[in-house]
N, C-alpha and C. Protein backbone atom coordinates (compact mmCIF):
# COMPACT_ATOMS: atom_id res chain seq x y z
N MET A 1 171.93 -57.84 116.53
CA MET A 1 172.88 -58.27 115.53
C MET A 1 173.87 -57.16 115.29
N SER A 2 175.11 -57.42 115.49
CA SER A 2 176.15 -56.42 115.29
C SER A 2 176.80 -56.64 113.93
N ASN A 3 176.97 -55.56 113.19
CA ASN A 3 177.59 -55.66 111.88
C ASN A 3 178.84 -54.82 111.88
N ASP A 4 180.02 -55.49 111.99
CA ASP A 4 181.28 -54.77 112.06
C ASP A 4 181.86 -54.47 110.69
N LYS A 5 181.21 -54.94 109.62
CA LYS A 5 181.72 -54.70 108.28
C LYS A 5 181.48 -53.25 107.90
N LYS A 6 182.41 -52.69 107.16
CA LYS A 6 182.28 -51.32 106.69
C LYS A 6 182.42 -51.31 105.18
N PRO A 7 181.73 -50.39 104.49
CA PRO A 7 181.88 -50.33 103.03
C PRO A 7 183.33 -50.09 102.63
N ASP A 8 183.73 -50.71 101.54
CA ASP A 8 185.09 -50.55 101.02
C ASP A 8 185.07 -49.62 99.82
N PHE A 9 185.53 -48.39 100.00
CA PHE A 9 185.55 -47.41 98.92
C PHE A 9 186.98 -47.19 98.41
N SER A 10 187.88 -48.11 98.70
CA SER A 10 189.29 -47.91 98.38
C SER A 10 189.56 -47.87 96.88
N ASN A 11 188.70 -48.43 96.08
CA ASN A 11 188.95 -48.48 94.65
C ASN A 11 188.00 -47.58 93.85
N VAL A 12 187.28 -46.68 94.50
CA VAL A 12 186.35 -45.78 93.82
C VAL A 12 187.12 -44.62 93.23
N GLN A 13 186.79 -44.27 92.00
CA GLN A 13 187.44 -43.15 91.34
C GLN A 13 186.41 -42.10 90.99
N SER A 14 186.82 -40.85 91.03
CA SER A 14 185.93 -39.75 90.69
C SER A 14 185.87 -39.59 89.19
N GLY A 15 184.71 -39.18 88.71
CA GLY A 15 184.55 -38.94 87.29
C GLY A 15 184.32 -37.47 87.00
N ALA A 16 184.61 -36.60 87.96
CA ALA A 16 184.38 -35.18 87.78
C ALA A 16 185.29 -34.62 86.70
N ASN A 17 184.73 -33.76 85.88
CA ASN A 17 185.49 -33.11 84.83
C ASN A 17 185.55 -31.63 85.16
N THR A 18 186.74 -31.10 85.43
CA THR A 18 186.86 -29.71 85.84
C THR A 18 187.18 -28.77 84.69
N GLN A 19 187.19 -29.30 83.47
CA GLN A 19 187.46 -28.46 82.31
C GLN A 19 186.27 -27.57 82.05
N SER A 20 186.53 -26.29 81.77
CA SER A 20 185.43 -25.36 81.53
C SER A 20 185.04 -25.29 80.07
N THR A 21 185.89 -25.76 79.17
CA THR A 21 185.55 -25.75 77.75
C THR A 21 185.83 -27.11 77.16
N GLY A 22 185.19 -27.39 76.08
CA GLY A 22 185.43 -28.64 75.38
C GLY A 22 184.69 -29.79 76.03
N GLY A 23 184.75 -30.94 75.41
CA GLY A 23 184.04 -32.12 75.89
C GLY A 23 184.85 -32.85 76.92
N GLY A 24 185.12 -34.08 76.65
CA GLY A 24 185.93 -34.85 77.59
C GLY A 24 185.05 -35.58 78.58
N GLY A 25 185.52 -36.68 79.02
CA GLY A 25 184.74 -37.49 79.94
C GLY A 25 185.38 -37.62 81.29
N GLY A 26 186.34 -36.77 81.60
CA GLY A 26 186.96 -36.83 82.91
C GLY A 26 187.87 -38.02 83.07
N GLY A 27 188.25 -38.65 81.95
CA GLY A 27 189.19 -39.75 82.03
C GLY A 27 188.54 -41.11 82.26
N LEU A 28 187.21 -41.17 82.36
CA LEU A 28 186.53 -42.43 82.57
C LEU A 28 185.59 -42.69 81.41
N ALA A 29 185.35 -43.94 81.12
CA ALA A 29 184.46 -44.30 80.03
C ALA A 29 183.08 -43.71 80.28
N GLY A 30 182.58 -42.91 79.35
CA GLY A 30 181.26 -42.32 79.48
C GLY A 30 181.21 -41.17 80.46
N GLY A 31 182.33 -40.81 81.09
CA GLY A 31 182.35 -39.70 82.03
C GLY A 31 181.67 -40.00 83.35
N LYS A 32 181.46 -41.27 83.67
CA LYS A 32 180.77 -41.63 84.91
C LYS A 32 181.72 -42.34 85.85
N PRO A 33 181.57 -42.13 87.17
CA PRO A 33 182.44 -42.83 88.12
C PRO A 33 182.17 -44.32 88.10
N ASP A 34 183.18 -45.10 88.43
CA ASP A 34 183.08 -46.55 88.44
C ASP A 34 182.90 -47.03 89.87
N PHE A 35 181.70 -47.50 90.20
CA PHE A 35 181.40 -48.01 91.53
C PHE A 35 181.30 -49.53 91.54
N SER A 36 181.80 -50.17 90.48
CA SER A 36 181.65 -51.61 90.35
C SER A 36 182.39 -52.39 91.43
N ASN A 37 183.39 -51.78 92.06
CA ASN A 37 184.18 -52.48 93.06
C ASN A 37 183.79 -52.10 94.49
N VAL A 38 182.71 -51.34 94.68
CA VAL A 38 182.28 -50.94 96.01
C VAL A 38 181.55 -52.10 96.66
N VAL A 39 181.94 -52.43 97.89
CA VAL A 39 181.34 -53.53 98.62
C VAL A 39 180.67 -52.96 99.85
N SER A 40 179.40 -53.24 100.03
CA SER A 40 178.66 -52.76 101.18
C SER A 40 178.68 -53.79 102.29
N GLY A 41 178.74 -53.32 103.52
CA GLY A 41 178.70 -54.23 104.66
C GLY A 41 177.30 -54.38 105.22
N ALA A 42 176.33 -53.69 104.65
CA ALA A 42 174.97 -53.74 105.17
C ALA A 42 174.31 -55.06 104.81
N ASP A 43 173.63 -55.67 105.78
CA ASP A 43 172.91 -56.91 105.52
C ASP A 43 171.56 -56.64 104.87
N THR A 44 170.93 -55.52 105.22
CA THR A 44 169.63 -55.18 104.66
C THR A 44 169.61 -53.71 104.33
N VAL A 45 168.70 -53.36 103.45
CA VAL A 45 168.52 -51.96 103.08
C VAL A 45 167.10 -51.58 103.41
N ALA A 46 166.94 -50.51 104.18
CA ALA A 46 165.60 -50.05 104.53
C ALA A 46 165.43 -48.66 103.97
N GLY A 47 164.25 -48.35 103.57
CA GLY A 47 163.98 -47.03 103.04
C GLY A 47 162.53 -46.93 102.66
N GLY A 48 162.18 -45.87 101.99
CA GLY A 48 160.81 -45.68 101.54
C GLY A 48 160.44 -46.67 100.47
N GLY A 49 159.31 -46.51 99.87
CA GLY A 49 158.88 -47.39 98.80
C GLY A 49 157.60 -48.08 99.15
N ALA A 50 157.02 -48.72 98.16
CA ALA A 50 155.75 -49.40 98.34
C ALA A 50 155.87 -50.47 99.43
N GLY A 51 154.93 -50.48 100.35
CA GLY A 51 154.93 -51.47 101.41
C GLY A 51 155.95 -51.21 102.50
N SER A 52 156.58 -50.06 102.49
CA SER A 52 157.60 -49.74 103.48
C SER A 52 156.99 -49.53 104.85
N THR A 53 157.76 -49.87 105.88
CA THR A 53 157.31 -49.65 107.25
C THR A 53 157.59 -48.23 107.70
N GLY A 54 158.29 -47.46 106.86
CA GLY A 54 158.63 -46.10 107.22
C GLY A 54 159.99 -45.98 107.87
N ALA A 55 160.62 -47.10 108.23
CA ALA A 55 161.94 -47.06 108.84
C ALA A 55 162.99 -46.89 107.75
N ARG A 56 164.13 -46.34 108.14
CA ARG A 56 165.26 -46.22 107.22
C ARG A 56 166.53 -46.38 108.01
N THR A 57 167.65 -46.55 107.32
CA THR A 57 168.91 -46.71 108.01
C THR A 57 169.68 -45.39 107.98
N TYR A 58 170.59 -45.27 108.93
CA TYR A 58 171.46 -44.10 109.02
C TYR A 58 172.82 -44.57 109.51
N THR A 59 173.88 -44.06 108.91
CA THR A 59 175.24 -44.39 109.32
C THR A 59 175.75 -43.29 110.24
N ILE A 60 176.14 -43.67 111.44
CA ILE A 60 176.64 -42.72 112.44
C ILE A 60 177.89 -42.04 111.90
N GLU A 61 177.94 -40.72 112.07
CA GLU A 61 179.10 -39.93 111.67
C GLU A 61 179.79 -39.39 112.92
N LYS A 62 181.06 -38.99 112.76
CA LYS A 62 181.82 -38.44 113.87
C LYS A 62 181.08 -37.24 114.47
N GLY A 63 180.93 -37.22 115.79
CA GLY A 63 180.27 -36.12 116.47
C GLY A 63 178.78 -36.31 116.67
N ASP A 64 178.18 -37.33 116.06
CA ASP A 64 176.75 -37.57 116.21
C ASP A 64 176.39 -38.00 117.62
N THR A 65 175.20 -37.64 118.06
CA THR A 65 174.59 -38.16 119.27
C THR A 65 173.19 -38.61 118.89
N LEU A 66 172.59 -39.49 119.67
CA LEU A 66 171.23 -39.92 119.37
C LEU A 66 170.26 -38.74 119.45
N SER A 67 170.49 -37.83 120.37
CA SER A 67 169.62 -36.64 120.49
C SER A 67 169.71 -35.77 119.24
N GLU A 68 170.93 -35.57 118.72
CA GLU A 68 171.11 -34.76 117.53
C GLU A 68 170.48 -35.43 116.32
N ILE A 69 170.63 -36.73 116.22
CA ILE A 69 170.02 -37.47 115.10
C ILE A 69 168.50 -37.38 115.18
N ALA A 70 167.96 -37.52 116.40
CA ALA A 70 166.51 -37.41 116.59
C ALA A 70 166.01 -36.03 116.18
N LYS A 71 166.72 -34.99 116.58
CA LYS A 71 166.31 -33.62 116.23
C LYS A 71 166.35 -33.43 114.71
N ARG A 72 167.40 -33.96 114.06
CA ARG A 72 167.55 -33.80 112.61
C ARG A 72 166.43 -34.50 111.84
N PHE A 73 166.09 -35.73 112.25
CA PHE A 73 165.13 -36.51 111.48
C PHE A 73 163.69 -36.41 111.96
N TYR A 74 163.48 -36.07 113.23
CA TYR A 74 162.12 -36.03 113.76
C TYR A 74 161.71 -34.66 114.27
N GLY A 75 162.65 -33.72 114.30
CA GLY A 75 162.32 -32.36 114.73
C GLY A 75 162.48 -32.10 116.21
N LYS A 76 162.63 -33.16 117.02
CA LYS A 76 162.79 -33.00 118.47
C LYS A 76 163.79 -34.02 119.00
N ALA A 77 164.67 -33.54 119.88
CA ALA A 77 165.71 -34.40 120.45
C ALA A 77 165.14 -35.49 121.35
N LYS A 78 163.93 -35.28 121.86
CA LYS A 78 163.35 -36.23 122.82
C LYS A 78 163.09 -37.62 122.23
N TYR A 79 163.13 -37.75 120.93
CA TYR A 79 162.88 -39.05 120.29
C TYR A 79 164.11 -39.95 120.27
N TRP A 80 165.20 -39.54 120.95
CA TRP A 80 166.41 -40.37 121.00
C TRP A 80 166.12 -41.72 121.64
N ARG A 81 165.18 -41.76 122.60
CA ARG A 81 164.86 -43.02 123.28
C ARG A 81 164.29 -44.05 122.31
N GLN A 82 163.40 -43.59 121.40
CA GLN A 82 162.81 -44.51 120.43
C GLN A 82 163.89 -45.04 119.46
N ILE A 83 164.85 -44.18 119.10
CA ILE A 83 165.95 -44.63 118.25
C ILE A 83 166.76 -45.68 118.98
N HIS A 84 167.06 -45.42 120.26
CA HIS A 84 167.82 -46.38 121.06
C HIS A 84 167.07 -47.70 121.19
N GLU A 85 165.78 -47.65 121.48
CA GLU A 85 164.99 -48.87 121.63
C GLU A 85 164.97 -49.68 120.33
N ALA A 86 164.87 -49.00 119.19
CA ALA A 86 164.85 -49.70 117.90
C ALA A 86 166.19 -50.33 117.57
N ASN A 87 167.25 -49.88 118.24
CA ASN A 87 168.60 -50.36 117.97
C ASN A 87 169.28 -50.95 119.20
N SER A 88 168.49 -51.44 120.15
CA SER A 88 169.05 -51.92 121.41
C SER A 88 170.02 -53.09 121.23
N ALA A 89 169.88 -53.86 120.15
CA ALA A 89 170.81 -54.96 119.91
C ALA A 89 172.18 -54.44 119.46
N GLU A 90 172.20 -53.28 118.79
CA GLU A 90 173.46 -52.70 118.29
C GLU A 90 174.04 -51.66 119.24
N ILE A 91 173.18 -51.00 120.01
CA ILE A 91 173.63 -49.91 120.89
C ILE A 91 173.28 -50.28 122.33
N GLU A 92 174.27 -50.75 123.07
CA GLU A 92 174.04 -51.10 124.47
C GLU A 92 173.90 -49.85 125.33
N ASN A 93 174.78 -48.87 125.11
CA ASN A 93 174.79 -47.64 125.88
C ASN A 93 174.51 -46.48 124.92
N PRO A 94 173.41 -45.75 125.09
CA PRO A 94 173.06 -44.68 124.15
C PRO A 94 174.08 -43.54 124.12
N ASP A 95 174.96 -43.47 125.11
CA ASP A 95 176.01 -42.45 125.12
C ASP A 95 177.27 -42.90 124.40
N ARG A 96 177.26 -44.15 123.91
CA ARG A 96 178.45 -44.69 123.23
C ARG A 96 178.06 -45.22 121.85
N ILE A 97 178.01 -44.32 120.90
CA ILE A 97 177.80 -44.71 119.50
C ILE A 97 179.07 -44.36 118.74
N PHE A 98 179.30 -45.02 117.63
CA PHE A 98 180.57 -44.89 116.94
C PHE A 98 180.38 -44.62 115.46
N PRO A 99 181.25 -43.79 114.87
CA PRO A 99 181.19 -43.56 113.42
C PRO A 99 181.26 -44.89 112.67
N GLY A 100 180.41 -45.02 111.68
CA GLY A 100 180.36 -46.24 110.88
C GLY A 100 179.26 -47.19 111.29
N GLN A 101 178.72 -47.03 112.52
CA GLN A 101 177.60 -47.88 112.93
C GLN A 101 176.40 -47.55 112.06
N VAL A 102 175.70 -48.58 111.62
CA VAL A 102 174.47 -48.38 110.84
C VAL A 102 173.31 -48.69 111.77
N ILE A 103 172.43 -47.69 111.94
CA ILE A 103 171.29 -47.86 112.83
C ILE A 103 170.00 -47.71 112.04
N THR A 104 168.91 -48.16 112.62
CA THR A 104 167.59 -48.01 112.03
C THR A 104 166.92 -46.80 112.65
N LEU A 105 166.37 -45.95 111.80
CA LEU A 105 165.56 -44.83 112.27
C LEU A 105 164.11 -45.27 112.12
N PRO A 106 163.45 -45.57 113.25
CA PRO A 106 162.09 -46.10 113.17
C PRO A 106 161.07 -45.04 112.81
N ALA A 107 159.94 -45.49 112.30
CA ALA A 107 158.81 -44.58 112.09
C ALA A 107 158.24 -44.24 113.47
N ILE A 108 158.07 -42.95 113.75
CA ILE A 108 157.58 -42.48 115.05
C ILE A 108 156.45 -41.51 114.80
N ASP A 109 155.39 -41.59 115.60
CA ASP A 109 154.27 -40.66 115.48
C ASP A 109 154.68 -39.31 116.07
N THR A 110 155.24 -38.44 115.25
CA THR A 110 155.73 -37.15 115.73
C THR A 110 154.66 -36.06 115.71
N ASP A 111 153.60 -36.27 114.93
CA ASP A 111 152.58 -35.22 114.84
C ASP A 111 151.32 -35.55 115.65
N GLY A 112 151.31 -36.69 116.35
CA GLY A 112 150.20 -37.02 117.24
C GLY A 112 148.93 -37.46 116.56
N ASP A 113 149.00 -37.85 115.28
CA ASP A 113 147.77 -38.26 114.59
C ASP A 113 147.49 -39.75 114.72
N GLY A 114 148.32 -40.47 115.46
CA GLY A 114 148.10 -41.89 115.70
C GLY A 114 148.77 -42.80 114.70
N THR A 115 149.42 -42.24 113.68
CA THR A 115 150.13 -43.08 112.71
C THR A 115 151.60 -42.69 112.71
N PRO A 116 152.48 -43.69 112.67
CA PRO A 116 153.92 -43.40 112.64
C PRO A 116 154.31 -42.61 111.39
N ASP A 117 155.22 -41.67 111.57
CA ASP A 117 155.68 -40.82 110.47
C ASP A 117 157.05 -41.30 110.00
N ASP A 118 157.26 -41.27 108.70
CA ASP A 118 158.51 -41.71 108.09
C ASP A 118 159.61 -40.69 108.37
N PRO A 119 160.77 -41.13 108.93
CA PRO A 119 161.85 -40.19 109.20
C PRO A 119 162.41 -39.57 107.93
N ALA A 120 162.20 -40.16 106.77
CA ALA A 120 162.70 -39.62 105.51
C ALA A 120 161.92 -38.37 105.11
N ALA A 121 160.73 -38.20 105.64
CA ALA A 121 159.89 -37.06 105.27
C ALA A 121 160.32 -35.79 105.98
N ALA A 122 161.16 -35.90 107.01
CA ALA A 122 161.59 -34.73 107.80
C ALA A 122 162.53 -33.87 107.02
């Protein structure tokens, strides 16, 4: 399943207050940024939590490679193949990934104990 939709952050405003003295809310009600107009293109959200499979999503950034992502999340670049296999519907060629693509980082047994390890724990 290919998801060409991208999040729309065009109407997001910052609520940062750079004043060093006095109160103030940074120009926004309550001093908090307004994310009410942010639209996500993701069909599903994966992450930790009760009953989780250990998989999570990751959005490809400029300069990323599957090997680099594998090293960052699993400690070794050799796990790029498992990332590619888990995303074979979205990534036809593992050498051609694009910024904005959302991929699944599968749970992989990286410590050899027979149980898949959550990539979020890395």
